[in-house]
Each structure stands twice: as C-alpha cells, then as structure tokens.
Amino acid sequence: MNISQIIVGTLMVLGGFALVIVSIVSGIIAPLFWGIPLLIIGLIIFFNKKEDSIEQIKKLQGRK
C-alpha cells in the first residue's frame, strides 16, 4: 500500500465523516451532499488493492 494512498484515503474518509457529523448535529442537509460521496470515495481509495500490482507487459510477437 502506497503512503500517498493511505494519506489521501484517510483524509477523505475523515473529511467525509466530519461533514456527515456536522450535518447531523446542525440539521442542515447540504453537508451530506459532500460528506457521503467523500466518505465513499475515500474508502474506495483506501482499500484499492489493484493500484499496488504492476501489470506484466507482454512482448509483442511478430516484431521484426
């Protein structure tokens, strides 16, 4: 897992969670429109395992 993936994922999850909490406490719905997507995208970035793997490049056959 890359350090940048950990940092960005954590910041987005914490930011989204904070916006959801602010929305619940204040009763204003607008922060939910930013908080829920930030939370979901942050979790996707944080738990993305395909970014760590490197694709093998196949040699082109028939090349002269």
PDB file of N, CA and C in Angstrom:
ATOM      1  N   MET A   1       0.851  -1.170   0.000  1.00  0.00           N
ATOM      2  CA  MET A   1       0.000   0.000   0.000  1.00  0.00           C
ATOM      3  C   MET A   1       0.899   1.237   0.000  1.00  0.00           C
ATOM      4  N   ASN A   2       0.638   2.129  -0.920  1.00  0.00           N
ATOM      5  CA  ASN A   2       1.426   3.345  -1.022  1.00  0.00           C
ATOM      6  C   ASN A   2       1.095   4.300   0.113  1.00  0.00           C
ATOM      7  N   ILE A   3       2.080   5.062   0.539  1.00  0.00           N
ATOM      8  CA  ILE A   3       1.865   6.042   1.603  1.00  0.00           C
ATOM      9  C   ILE A   3       0.903   7.138   1.139  1.00  0.00           C
ATOM     10  N   SER A   4       0.968   7.503  -0.152  1.00  0.00           N
ATOM     11  CA  SER A   4       0.052   8.528  -0.659  1.00  0.00           C
ATOM     12  C   SER A   4      -1.383   8.019  -0.655  1.00  0.00           C
ATOM     13  N   GLN A   5      -1.563   6.733  -0.934  1.00  0.00           N
ATOM     14  CA  GLN A   5      -2.898   6.125  -0.914  1.00  0.00           C
ATOM     15  C   GLN A   5      -3.459   6.144   0.513  1.00  0.00           C
ATOM     16  N   ILE A   6      -2.628   5.875   1.484  1.00  0.00           N
ATOM     17  CA  ILE A   6      -3.059   5.895   2.881  1.00  0.00           C
ATOM     18  C   ILE A   6      -3.435   7.305   3.306  1.00  0.00           C
ATOM     19  N   ILE A   7      -2.597   8.284   2.957  1.00  0.00           N
ATOM     20  CA  ILE A   7      -2.833   9.662   3.371  1.00  0.00           C
ATOM     21  C   ILE A   7      -4.104  10.217   2.733  1.00  0.00           C
ATOM     22  N   VAL A   8      -4.244  10.082   1.427  1.00  0.00           N
ATOM     23  CA  VAL A   8      -5.406  10.631   0.729  1.00  0.00           C
ATOM     24  C   VAL A   8      -6.684   9.925   1.167  1.00  0.00           C
ATOM     25  N   GLY A   9      -6.639   8.605   1.263  1.00  0.00           N
ATOM     26  CA  GLY A   9      -7.815   7.861   1.697  1.00  0.00           C
ATOM     27  C   GLY A   9      -8.253   8.245   3.100  1.00  0.00           C
ATOM     28  N   THR A  10      -7.298   8.370   4.011  1.00  0.00           N
ATOM     29  CA  THR A  10      -7.613   8.736   5.388  1.00  0.00           C
ATOM     30  C   THR A  10      -8.180  10.142   5.476  1.00  0.00           C
ATOM     31  N   LEU A  11      -7.577  11.087   4.758  1.00  0.00           N
ATOM     32  CA  LEU A  11      -8.078  12.463   4.794  1.00  0.00           C
ATOM     33  C   LEU A  11      -9.492  12.568   4.226  1.00  0.00           C
ATOM     34  N   MET A  12      -9.757  11.843   3.145  1.00  0.00           N
ATOM     35  CA  MET A  12     -11.085  11.900   2.556  1.00  0.00           C
ATOM     36  C   MET A  12     -12.124  11.240   3.463  1.00  0.00           C
ATOM     37  N   VAL A  13     -11.766  10.125   4.086  1.00  0.00           N
ATOM     38  CA  VAL A  13     -12.700   9.462   4.993  1.00  0.00           C
ATOM     39  C   VAL A  13     -12.986  10.348   6.202  1.00  0.00           C
ATOM     40  N   LEU A  14     -11.950  10.919   6.782  1.00  0.00           N
ATOM     41  CA  LEU A  14     -12.147  11.789   7.944  1.00  0.00           C
ATOM     42  C   LEU A  14     -12.936  13.048   7.585  1.00  0.00           C
ATOM     43  N   GLY A  15     -12.638  13.625   6.418  1.00  0.00           N
ATOM     44  CA  GLY A  15     -13.382  14.806   5.979  1.00  0.00           C
ATOM     45  C   GLY A  15     -14.844  14.498   5.713  1.00  0.00           C
ATOM     46  N   GLY A  16     -15.102  13.383   5.054  1.00  0.00           N
ATOM     47  CA  GLY A  16     -16.476  12.978   4.794  1.00  0.00           C
ATOM     48  C   GLY A  16     -17.230  12.663   6.074  1.00  0.00           C
ATOM     49  N   PHE A  17     -16.557  11.983   6.986  1.00  0.00           N
ATOM     50  CA  PHE A  17     -17.174  11.664   8.274  1.00  0.00           C
ATOM     51  C   PHE A  17     -17.484  12.938   9.059  1.00  0.00           C
ATOM     52  N   ALA A  18     -16.562  13.908   9.029  1.00  0.00           N
ATOM     53  CA  ALA A  18     -16.778  15.175   9.727  1.00  0.00           C
ATOM     54  C   ALA A  18     -17.965  15.931   9.130  1.00  0.00           C
ATOM     55  N   LEU A  19     -18.089  15.937   7.808  1.00  0.00           N
ATOM     56  CA  LEU A  19     -19.218  16.621   7.181  1.00  0.00           C
ATOM     57  C   LEU A  19     -20.546  15.943   7.510  1.00  0.00           C
ATOM     58  N   VAL A  20     -20.556  14.640   7.578  1.00  0.00           N
ATOM     59  CA  VAL A  20     -21.778  13.925   7.943  1.00  0.00           C
ATOM     60  C   VAL A  20     -22.166  14.245   9.386  1.00  0.00           C
ATOM     61  N   ILE A  21     -21.196  14.270  10.285  1.00  0.00           N
ATOM     62  CA  ILE A  21     -21.465  14.600  11.692  1.00  0.00           C
ATOM     63  C   ILE A  21     -21.976  16.033  11.815  1.00  0.00           C
ATOM     64  N   VAL A  22     -21.345  16.971  11.101  1.00  0.00           N
ATOM     65  CA  VAL A  22     -21.794  18.368  11.128  1.00  0.00           C
ATOM     66  C   VAL A  22     -23.227  18.473  10.628  1.00  0.00           C
ATOM     67  N   SER A  23     -23.548  17.733   9.593  1.00  0.00           N
ATOM     68  CA  SER A  23     -24.896  17.755   9.041  1.00  0.00           C
ATOM     69  C   SER A  23     -25.913  17.212  10.049  1.00  0.00           C
ATOM     70  N   ILE A  24     -25.562  16.155  10.742  1.00  0.00           N
ATOM     71  CA  ILE A  24     -26.475  15.564  11.718  1.00  0.00           C
ATOM     72  C   ILE A  24     -26.679  16.493  12.907  1.00  0.00           C
ATOM     73  N   VAL A  25     -25.585  17.078  13.393  1.00  0.00           N
ATOM     74  CA  VAL A  25     -25.662  17.942  14.572  1.00  0.00           C
ATOM     75  C   VAL A  25     -26.405  19.242  14.262  1.00  0.00           C
ATOM     76  N   SER A  26     -26.101  19.853  13.110  1.00  0.00           N
ATOM     77  CA  SER A  26     -26.696  21.154  12.799  1.00  0.00           C
ATOM     78  C   SER A  26     -28.082  21.046  12.175  1.00  0.00           C
ATOM     79  N   GLY A  27     -28.414  19.891  11.624  1.00  0.00           N
ATOM     80  CA  GLY A  27     -29.717  19.724  10.997  1.00  0.00           C
ATOM     81  C   GLY A  27     -29.772  20.257   9.575  1.00  0.00           C
ATOM     82  N   ILE A  28     -28.643  20.665   9.032  1.00  0.00           N
ATOM     83  CA  ILE A  28     -28.582  21.173   7.664  1.00  0.00           C
ATOM     84  C   ILE A  28     -28.254  19.997   6.745  1.00  0.00           C
ATOM     85  N   ILE A  29     -28.975  19.877   5.653  1.00  0.00           N
ATOM     86  CA  ILE A  29     -28.808  18.729   4.768  1.00  0.00           C
ATOM     87  C   ILE A  29     -27.656  18.921   3.772  1.00  0.00           C
ATOM     88  N   ALA A  30     -27.278  20.143   3.472  1.00  0.00           N
ATOM     89  CA  ALA A  30     -26.283  20.423   2.431  1.00  0.00           C
ATOM     90  C   ALA A  30     -24.938  19.715   2.635  1.00  0.00           C
ATOM     91  N   PRO A  31     -24.379  19.635   3.855  1.00  0.00           N
ATOM     92  CA  PRO A  31     -23.094  18.925   4.002  1.00  0.00           C
ATOM     93  C   PRO A  31     -23.165  17.441   3.669  1.00  0.00           C
ATOM     94  N   LEU A  32     -24.365  16.859   3.710  1.00  0.00           N
ATOM     95  CA  LEU A  32     -24.486  15.446   3.347  1.00  0.00           C
ATOM     96  C   LEU A  32     -24.170  15.213   1.879  1.00  0.00           C
ATOM     97  N   PHE A  33     -24.487  16.207   1.021  1.00  0.00           N
ATOM     98  CA  PHE A  33     -24.214  16.065  -0.405  1.00  0.00           C
ATOM     99  C   PHE A  33     -22.722  16.019  -0.694  1.00  0.00           C
ATOM    100  N   TRP A  34     -21.909  16.567   0.190  1.00  0.00           N
ATOM    101  CA  TRP A  34     -20.452  16.486   0.049  1.00  0.00           C
ATOM    102  C   TRP A  34     -19.863  15.387   0.918  1.00  0.00           C
ATOM    103  N   GLY A  35     -20.441  15.160   2.081  1.00  0.00           N
ATOM    104  CA  GLY A  35     -19.865  14.227   3.040  1.00  0.00           C
ATOM    105  C   GLY A  35     -19.972  12.774   2.637  1.00  0.00           C
ATOM    106  N   ILE A  36     -21.143  12.361   2.163  1.00  0.00           N
ATOM    107  CA  ILE A  36     -21.326  10.953   1.801  1.00  0.00           C
ATOM    108  C   ILE A  36     -20.460  10.557   0.605  1.00  0.00           C
ATOM    109  N   PRO A  37     -20.426  11.345  -0.496  1.00  0.00           N
ATOM    110  CA  PRO A  37     -19.522  10.966  -1.597  1.00  0.00           C
ATOM    111  C   PRO A  37     -18.046  10.973  -1.195  1.00  0.00           C
ATOM    112  N   LEU A  38     -17.635  11.947  -0.379  1.00  0.00           N
ATOM    113  CA  LEU A  38     -16.244  11.969   0.089  1.00  0.00           C
ATOM    114  C   LEU A  38     -15.923  10.721   0.899  1.00  0.00           C
ATOM    115  N   LEU A  39     -16.833  10.317   1.733  1.00  0.00           N
ATOM    116  CA  LEU A  39     -16.642   9.133   2.553  1.00  0.00           C
ATOM    117  C   LEU A  39     -16.514   7.880   1.680  1.00  0.00           C
ATOM    118  N   ILE A  40     -17.381   7.747   0.701  1.00  0.00           N
ATOM    119  CA  ILE A  40     -17.356   6.568  -0.173  1.00  0.00           C
ATOM    120  C   ILE A  40     -16.098   6.535  -1.033  1.00  0.00           C
ATOM    121  N   ILE A  41     -15.746   7.679  -1.643  1.00  0.00           N
ATOM    122  CA  ILE A  41     -14.548   7.739  -2.490  1.00  0.00           C
ATOM    123  C   ILE A  41     -13.290   7.508  -1.659  1.00  0.00           C
ATOM    124  N   GLY A  42     -13.253   8.055  -0.453  1.00  0.00           N
ATOM    125  CA  GLY A  42     -12.114   7.834   0.430  1.00  0.00           C
ATOM    126  C   GLY A  42     -11.927   6.370   0.790  1.00  0.00           C
ATOM    127  N   LEU A  43     -13.031   5.675   1.045  1.00  0.00           N
ATOM    128  CA  LEU A  43     -12.940   4.236   1.341  1.00  0.00           C
ATOM    129  C   LEU A  43     -12.473   3.450   0.125  1.00  0.00           C
ATOM    130  N   ILE A  44     -12.942   3.834  -1.057  1.00  0.00           N
ATOM    131  CA  ILE A  44     -12.506   3.150  -2.281  1.00  0.00           C
ATOM    132  C   ILE A  44     -11.011   3.349  -2.494  1.00  0.00           C
ATOM    133  N   ILE A  45     -10.523   4.564  -2.308  1.00  0.00           N
ATOM    134  CA  ILE A  45      -9.092   4.832  -2.469  1.00  0.00           C
ATOM    135  C   ILE A  45      -8.285   4.075  -1.421  1.00  0.00           C
ATOM    136  N   PHE A  46      -8.765   4.074  -0.206  1.00  0.00           N
ATOM    137  CA  PHE A  46      -8.030   3.442   0.893  1.00  0.00           C
ATOM    138  C   PHE A  46      -7.914   1.935   0.714  1.00  0.00           C
ATOM    139  N   PHE A  47      -8.975   1.282   0.242  1.00  0.00           N
ATOM    140  CA  PHE A  47      -8.972  -0.170   0.132  1.00  0.00           C
ATOM    141  C   PHE A  47      -8.704  -0.684  -1.281  1.00  0.00           C
ATOM    142  N   ASN A  48      -8.257   0.162  -2.185  1.00  0.00           N
ATOM    143  CA  ASN A  48      -7.978  -0.250  -3.553  1.00  0.00           C
ATOM    144  C   ASN A  48      -6.669  -1.045  -3.584  1.00  0.00           C
ATOM    145  N   LYS A  49      -6.764  -2.318  -3.938  1.00  0.00           N
ATOM    146  CA  LYS A  49      -5.582  -3.181  -3.980  1.00  0.00           C
ATOM    147  C   LYS A  49      -4.977  -3.271  -5.377  1.00  0.00           C
ATOM    148  N   LYS A  50      -5.739  -2.940  -6.410  1.00  0.00           N
ATOM    149  CA  LYS A  50      -5.239  -3.064  -7.772  1.00  0.00           C
ATOM    150  C   LYS A  50      -4.161  -2.036  -8.091  1.00  0.00           C
ATOM    151  N   GLU A  51      -4.123  -0.935  -7.343  1.00  0.00           N
ATOM    152  CA  GLU A  51      -3.117   0.089  -7.591  1.00  0.00           C
ATOM    153  C   GLU A  51      -1.719  -0.418  -7.247  1.00  0.00           C
ATOM    154  N   ASP A  52      -1.641  -1.355  -6.312  1.00  0.00           N
ATOM    155  CA  ASP A  52      -0.349  -1.862  -5.873  1.00  0.00           C
ATOM    156  C   ASP A  52       0.280  -2.837  -6.860  1.00  0.00           C
ATOM    157  N   SER A  53      -0.539  -3.513  -7.619  1.00  0.00           N
ATOM    158  CA  SER A  53       0.015  -4.516  -8.528  1.00  0.00           C
ATOM    159  C   SER A  53       0.490  -3.861  -9.819  1.00  0.00           C
ATOM    160  N   ILE A  54       1.524  -4.433 -10.382  1.00  0.00           N
ATOM    161  CA  ILE A  54       2.091  -3.932 -11.635  1.00  0.00           C
ATOM    162  C   ILE A  54       1.751  -4.932 -12.728  1.00  0.00           C
ATOM    163  N   GLU A  55       1.191  -4.426 -13.803  1.00  0.00           N
ATOM    164  CA  GLU A  55       0.837  -5.313 -14.913  1.00  0.00           C
ATOM    165  C   GLU A  55       2.099  -5.760 -15.638  1.00  0.00           C
ATOM    166  N   GLN A  56       2.100  -7.011 -16.015  1.00  0.00           N
ATOM    167  CA  GLN A  56       3.208  -7.533 -16.798  1.00  0.00           C
ATOM    168  C   GLN A  56       3.008  -7.130 -18.256  1.00  0.00           C
ATOM    169  N   ILE A  57       4.034  -6.638 -18.873  1.00  0.00           N
ATOM    170  CA  ILE A  57       3.954  -6.241 -20.265  1.00  0.00           C
ATOM    171  C   ILE A  57       4.303  -7.449 -21.126  1.00  0.00           C
ATOM    172  N   LYS A  58       3.389  -7.792 -22.013  1.00  0.00           N
ATOM    173  CA  LYS A  58       3.614  -8.928 -22.889  1.00  0.00           C
ATOM    174  C   LYS A  58       4.455  -8.452 -24.067  1.00  0.00           C
ATOM    175  N   LYS A  59       5.425  -9.256 -24.424  1.00  0.00           N
ATOM    176  CA  LYS A  59       6.256  -8.930 -25.578  1.00  0.00           C
ATOM    177  C   LYS A  59       5.426  -9.085 -26.848  1.00  0.00           C
ATOM    178  N   LEU A  60       5.581  -8.130 -27.721  1.00  0.00           N
ATOM    179  CA  LEU A  60       4.849  -8.187 -28.966  1.00  0.00           C
ATOM    180  C   LEU A  60       5.464  -9.249 -29.867  1.00  0.00           C
ATOM    181  N   GLN A  61       4.646 -10.179 -30.301  1.00  0.00           N
ATOM    182  CA  GLN A  61       5.129 -11.253 -31.160  1.00  0.00           C
ATOM    183  C   GLN A  61       5.034 -10.805 -32.613  1.00  0.00           C
ATOM    184  N   GLY A  62       5.937 -11.275 -33.397  1.00  0.00           N
ATOM    185  CA  GLY A  62       5.937 -10.928 -34.816  1.00  0.00           C
ATOM    186  C   GLY A  62       6.624  -9.611 -35.100  1.00  0.00           C
ATOM    187  N   ARG A  63       7.305  -9.089 -34.142  1.00  0.00           N
ATOM    188  CA  ARG A  63       8.020  -7.824 -34.324  1.00  0.00           C
ATOM    189  C   ARG A  63       9.348  -8.099 -35.013  1.00  0.00           C
ATOM    190  N   LYS A  64       9.689  -7.299 -35.977  1.00  0.00           N
ATOM    191  CA  LYS A  64      10.948  -7.516 -36.722  1.00  0.00           C
ATOM    192  C   LYS A  64      11.997  -6.512 -36.339  1.00  0.00           C
TER     193      LYS A  64
END
